[in-house]
Amino acid sequence: MEKFKKDLAAKMFLLWLAALAANTVYWVFSAVKGNTSDYTRGFGSGLCAVLIVYAIVMSFRLYMIKIDEKKLEELYRKSTDERYALIREKTASGSFTVSAFIICLGAIVSSFFSAEITIVLTIVVGVMTVCKLCFKFYYERKY
């Protein structure tokens, strides 16, 4: 169980690292680009805020799971259960997370150059999320 706790802490560290990396990219581009449009400032600030709030919420969730042994055991069971492993495999959970993060970074960078590309990338992330949820619900019913 200690190894599982360390794995959860490592995942949380990577989440914070990704959120801070996205914020750093935004602020570096803001400093380099100089005068940016209101759209870029609004989009970038909003995305940075969402990433930080998501990291805070997930950190709080992890903390609550770590202090409650029953929830920790349930999460461990779900992470090692063959059914949930199959669902994660069928929905490509790992690749979705990485792809969404890369597209979000692309949206942050493109917001400094083209509003149209940023909107398209934001829509792509939204469609990916909806598709992943649909696949997840489908496979949870199927298996």
C-alpha atoms as a PDB file:
ATOM      1  CA  MET A   1       0.000   0.000   0.000  1.00  0.00           C
ATOM      2  CA  GLU A   2       2.951   2.319   0.616  1.00  0.00           C
ATOM      3  CA  LYS A   3       4.061   1.880  -2.998  1.00  0.00           C
ATOM      4  CA  PHE A   4       0.554   2.844  -4.127  1.00  0.00           C
ATOM      5  CA  LYS A   5       0.695   5.980  -1.967  1.00  0.00           C
ATOM      6  CA  LYS A   6       4.038   6.888  -3.527  1.00  0.00           C
ATOM      7  CA  ASP A   7       2.591   6.345  -7.007  1.00  0.00           C
ATOM      8  CA  LEU A   8      -0.309   8.673  -6.189  1.00  0.00           C
ATOM      9  CA  ALA A   9       2.121  11.292  -4.904  1.00  0.00           C
ATOM     10  CA  ALA A  10       4.194  10.954  -8.092  1.00  0.00           C
ATOM     11  CA  LYS A  11       1.083  11.435 -10.243  1.00  0.00           C
ATOM     12  CA  MET A  12       0.170  14.514  -8.235  1.00  0.00           C
ATOM     13  CA  PHE A  13       3.696  15.871  -8.658  1.00  0.00           C
ATOM     14  CA  LEU A  14       3.454  15.380 -12.425  1.00  0.00           C
ATOM     15  CA  LEU A  15       0.083  17.149 -12.468  1.00  0.00           C
ATOM     16  CA  TRP A  16       1.544  20.135 -10.628  1.00  0.00           C
ATOM     17  CA  LEU A  17       4.577  20.080 -12.906  1.00  0.00           C
ATOM     18  CA  ALA A  18       2.339  20.137 -16.001  1.00  0.00           C
ATOM     19  CA  ALA A  19       0.166  22.961 -14.619  1.00  0.00           C
ATOM     20  CA  LEU A  20       3.196  25.040 -13.699  1.00  0.00           C
ATOM     21  CA  ALA A  21       4.840  24.320 -17.067  1.00  0.00           C
ATOM     22  CA  ALA A  22       1.757  25.583 -18.903  1.00  0.00           C
ATOM     23  CA  ASN A  23       1.701  28.695 -16.715  1.00  0.00           C
ATOM     24  CA  THR A  24       5.397  29.260 -17.347  1.00  0.00           C
ATOM     25  CA  VAL A  25       4.933  28.925 -21.109  1.00  0.00           C
ATOM     26  CA  TYR A  26       2.111  31.478 -20.996  1.00  0.00           C
ATOM     27  CA  TRP A  27       4.023  34.003 -18.915  1.00  0.00           C
ATOM     28  CA  VAL A  28       7.241  33.597 -20.933  1.00  0.00           C
ATOM     29  CA  PHE A  29       5.372  34.154 -24.191  1.00  0.00           C
ATOM     30  CA  SER A  30       3.599  37.141 -22.622  1.00  0.00           C
ATOM     31  CA  ALA A  31       6.928  38.676 -21.655  1.00  0.00           C
ATOM     32  CA  VAL A  32       8.578  37.967 -25.012  1.00  0.00           C
ATOM     33  CA  LYS A  33       5.651  39.033 -27.170  1.00  0.00           C
ATOM     34  CA  GLY A  34       5.183  42.326 -25.297  1.00  0.00           C
ATOM     35  CA  ASN A  35       1.833  43.860 -26.116  1.00  0.00           C
ATOM     36  CA  THR A  36      -0.730  41.106 -26.414  1.00  0.00           C
ATOM     37  CA  SER A  37      -4.384  41.326 -27.282  1.00  0.00           C
ATOM     38  CA  ASP A  38      -7.153  41.177 -24.721  1.00  0.00           C
ATOM     39  CA  TYR A  39      -8.225  37.849 -26.196  1.00  0.00           C
ATOM     40  CA  THR A  40      -4.796  36.339 -25.607  1.00  0.00           C
ATOM     41  CA  ARG A  41      -4.559  37.670 -22.060  1.00  0.00           C
ATOM     42  CA  GLY A  42      -8.059  36.452 -21.240  1.00  0.00           C
ATOM     43  CA  PHE A  43      -7.609  33.024 -22.789  1.00  0.00           C
ATOM     44  CA  GLY A  44      -4.182  32.464 -21.281  1.00  0.00           C
ATOM     45  CA  SER A  45      -5.135  33.678 -17.833  1.00  0.00           C
ATOM     46  CA  GLY A  46      -8.308  31.603 -17.887  1.00  0.00           C
ATOM     47  CA  LEU A  47      -6.516  28.441 -18.963  1.00  0.00           C
ATOM     48  CA  CYS A  48      -3.772  28.989 -16.382  1.00  0.00           C
ATOM     49  CA  ALA A  49      -6.384  29.512 -13.674  1.00  0.00           C
ATOM     50  CA  VAL A  50      -8.248  26.362 -14.700  1.00  0.00           C
ATOM     51  CA  LEU A  51      -5.055  24.292 -14.606  1.00  0.00           C
ATOM     52  CA  ILE A  52      -4.097  25.595 -11.161  1.00  0.00           C
ATOM     53  CA  VAL A  53      -7.615  25.077  -9.766  1.00  0.00           C
ATOM     54  CA  TYR A  54      -7.666  21.539 -11.230  1.00  0.00           C
ATOM     55  CA  ALA A  55      -4.319  20.785  -9.572  1.00  0.00           C
ATOM     56  CA  ILE A  56      -5.590  22.158  -6.248  1.00  0.00           C
ATOM     57  CA  VAL A  57      -8.807  20.112  -6.415  1.00  0.00           C
ATOM     58  CA  MET A  58      -6.946  16.933  -7.328  1.00  0.00           C
ATOM     59  CA  SER A  59      -4.399  17.547  -4.554  1.00  0.00           C
ATOM     60  CA  PHE A  60      -7.215  17.967  -2.043  1.00  0.00           C
ATOM     61  CA  ARG A  61      -8.860  14.792  -3.345  1.00  0.00           C
ATOM     62  CA  LEU A  62      -5.589  12.894  -2.978  1.00  0.00           C
ATOM     63  CA  TYR A  63      -5.120  14.226   0.541  1.00  0.00           C
ATOM     64  CA  MET A  64      -8.626  13.099   1.519  1.00  0.00           C
ATOM     65  CA  ILE A  65      -7.976   9.657   0.036  1.00  0.00           C
ATOM     66  CA  LYS A  66      -4.645   9.316   1.840  1.00  0.00           C
ATOM     67  CA  ILE A  67      -6.117  10.058   5.266  1.00  0.00           C
ATOM     68  CA  ASP A  68      -9.105   7.733   4.812  1.00  0.00           C
ATOM     69  CA  GLU A  69      -7.844   4.154   4.691  1.00  0.00           C
ATOM     70  CA  LYS A  70     -11.153   2.834   3.337  1.00  0.00           C
ATOM     71  CA  LYS A  71     -11.099   5.207   0.338  1.00  0.00           C
ATOM     72  CA  LEU A  72      -7.443   4.391  -0.256  1.00  0.00           C
ATOM     73  CA  GLU A  73      -8.195   0.666  -0.363  1.00  0.00           C
ATOM     74  CA  GLU A  74     -11.126   1.251  -2.728  1.00  0.00           C
ATOM     75  CA  LEU A  75      -8.962   3.319  -5.075  1.00  0.00           C
ATOM     76  CA  TYR A  76      -6.224   0.682  -4.937  1.00  0.00           C
ATOM     77  CA  ARG A  77      -8.772  -2.014  -5.766  1.00  0.00           C
ATOM     78  CA  LYS A  78     -10.041   0.006  -8.720  1.00  0.00           C
ATOM     79  CA  SER A  79      -6.533   0.625  -9.990  1.00  0.00           C
ATOM     80  CA  THR A  80      -5.647  -3.072  -9.883  1.00  0.00           C
ATOM     81  CA  ASP A  81      -9.033  -4.456 -10.940  1.00  0.00           C
ATOM     82  CA  GLU A  82      -9.000  -6.129 -14.357  1.00  0.00           C
ATOM     83  CA  ARG A  83     -12.314  -4.564 -15.350  1.00  0.00           C
ATOM     84  CA  TYR A  84     -11.106  -1.012 -14.743  1.00  0.00           C
ATOM     85  CA  ALA A  85      -7.771  -1.789 -16.388  1.00  0.00           C
ATOM     86  CA  LEU A  86      -9.637  -2.986 -19.478  1.00  0.00           C
ATOM     87  CA  ILE A  87     -11.804   0.151 -19.492  1.00  0.00           C
ATOM     88  CA  ARG A  88      -8.701   2.372 -19.184  1.00  0.00           C
ATOM     89  CA  GLU A  89      -7.107   0.435 -22.038  1.00  0.00           C
ATOM     90  CA  LYS A  90     -10.181   0.662 -24.265  1.00  0.00           C
ATOM     91  CA  THR A  91     -10.626   4.393 -23.641  1.00  0.00           C
ATOM     92  CA  ALA A  92      -6.868   5.075 -23.993  1.00  0.00           C
ATOM     93  CA  SER A  93      -6.802   7.064 -20.758  1.00  0.00           C
ATOM     94  CA  GLY A  94      -3.051   7.579 -20.642  1.00  0.00           C
ATOM     95  CA  SER A  95      -2.717   8.821 -24.188  1.00  0.00           C
ATOM     96  CA  PHE A  96      -5.756  11.074 -23.770  1.00  0.00           C
ATOM     97  CA  THR A  97      -4.187  12.876 -20.826  1.00  0.00           C
ATOM     98  CA  VAL A  98      -0.901  13.449 -22.635  1.00  0.00           C
ATOM     99  CA  SER A  99      -2.641  14.484 -25.868  1.00  0.00           C
ATOM    100  CA  ALA A 100      -4.927  16.920 -24.064  1.00  0.00           C
ATOM    101  CA  PHE A 101      -1.979  18.508 -22.278  1.00  0.00           C
ATOM    102  CA  ILE A 102      -0.006  18.902 -25.519  1.00  0.00           C
ATOM    103  CA  ILE A 103      -3.005  20.408 -27.310  1.00  0.00           C
ATOM    104  CA  CYS A 104      -3.560  22.812 -24.385  1.00  0.00           C
ATOM    105  CA  LEU A 105       0.074  23.925 -24.631  1.00  0.00           C
ATOM    106  CA  GLY A 106      -0.428  24.372 -28.358  1.00  0.00           C
ATOM    107  CA  ALA A 107      -3.523  26.459 -27.690  1.00  0.00           C
ATOM    108  CA  ILE A 108      -1.610  28.662 -25.250  1.00  0.00           C
ATOM    109  CA  VAL A 109       1.196  29.247 -27.739  1.00  0.00           C
ATOM    110  CA  SER A 110      -1.149  29.740 -30.698  1.00  0.00           C
ATOM    111  CA  SER A 111      -3.185  32.315 -28.748  1.00  0.00           C
ATOM    112  CA  PHE A 112      -0.276  34.722 -29.231  1.00  0.00           C
ATOM    113  CA  PHE A 113      -0.407  34.344 -33.007  1.00  0.00           C
ATOM    114  CA  SER A 114      -3.880  33.325 -34.216  1.00  0.00           C
ATOM    115  CA  ALA A 115      -7.228  33.420 -32.453  1.00  0.00           C
ATOM    116  CA  GLU A 116      -8.771  31.036 -34.998  1.00  0.00           C
ATOM    117  CA  ILE A 117      -6.228  28.292 -34.346  1.00  0.00           C
ATOM    118  CA  THR A 118      -6.706  28.716 -30.596  1.00  0.00           C
ATOM    119  CA  ILE A 119     -10.461  28.335 -30.917  1.00  0.00           C
ATOM    120  CA  VAL A 120     -10.047  25.219 -33.079  1.00  0.00           C
ATOM    121  CA  LEU A 121      -7.618  23.642 -30.580  1.00  0.00           C
ATOM    122  CA  THR A 122      -9.980  24.436 -27.713  1.00  0.00           C
ATOM    123  CA  ILE A 123     -12.843  22.791 -29.587  1.00  0.00           C
ATOM    124  CA  VAL A 124     -10.626  19.761 -30.296  1.00  0.00           C
ATOM    125  CA  VAL A 125      -9.909  19.328 -26.568  1.00  0.00           C
ATOM    126  CA  GLY A 126     -13.631  19.645 -25.830  1.00  0.00           C
ATOM    127  CA  VAL A 127     -14.572  17.052 -28.452  1.00  0.00           C
ATOM    128  CA  MET A 128     -11.842  14.712 -27.166  1.00  0.00           C
ATOM    129  CA  THR A 129     -13.207  15.027 -23.645  1.00  0.00           C
ATOM    130  CA  VAL A 130     -16.792  14.326 -24.709  1.00  0.00           C
ATOM    131  CA  CYS A 131     -15.674  11.310 -26.756  1.00  0.00           C
ATOM    132  CA  LYS A 132     -13.631   9.945 -23.861  1.00  0.00           C
ATOM    133  CA  LEU A 133     -16.586  10.280 -21.490  1.00  0.00           C
ATOM    134  CA  CYS A 134     -18.897   8.562 -23.979  1.00  0.00           C
ATOM    135  CA  PHE A 135     -16.430   5.699 -24.447  1.00  0.00           C
ATOM    136  CA  LYS A 136     -15.959   5.393 -20.697  1.00  0.00           C
ATOM    137  CA  PHE A 137     -19.702   5.189 -20.027  1.00  0.00           C
ATOM    138  CA  TYR A 138     -20.135   2.732 -22.897  1.00  0.00           C
ATOM    139  CA  TYR A 139     -17.368   0.401 -21.705  1.00  0.00           C
ATOM    140  CA  GLU A 140     -18.507   0.618 -18.080  1.00  0.00           C
ATOM    141  CA  ARG A 141     -21.891  -0.707 -19.172  1.00  0.00           C
ATOM    142  CA  LYS A 142     -20.424  -3.276 -21.562  1.00  0.00           C
ATOM    143  CA  TYR A 143     -17.858  -4.847 -19.191  1.00  0.00           C
END
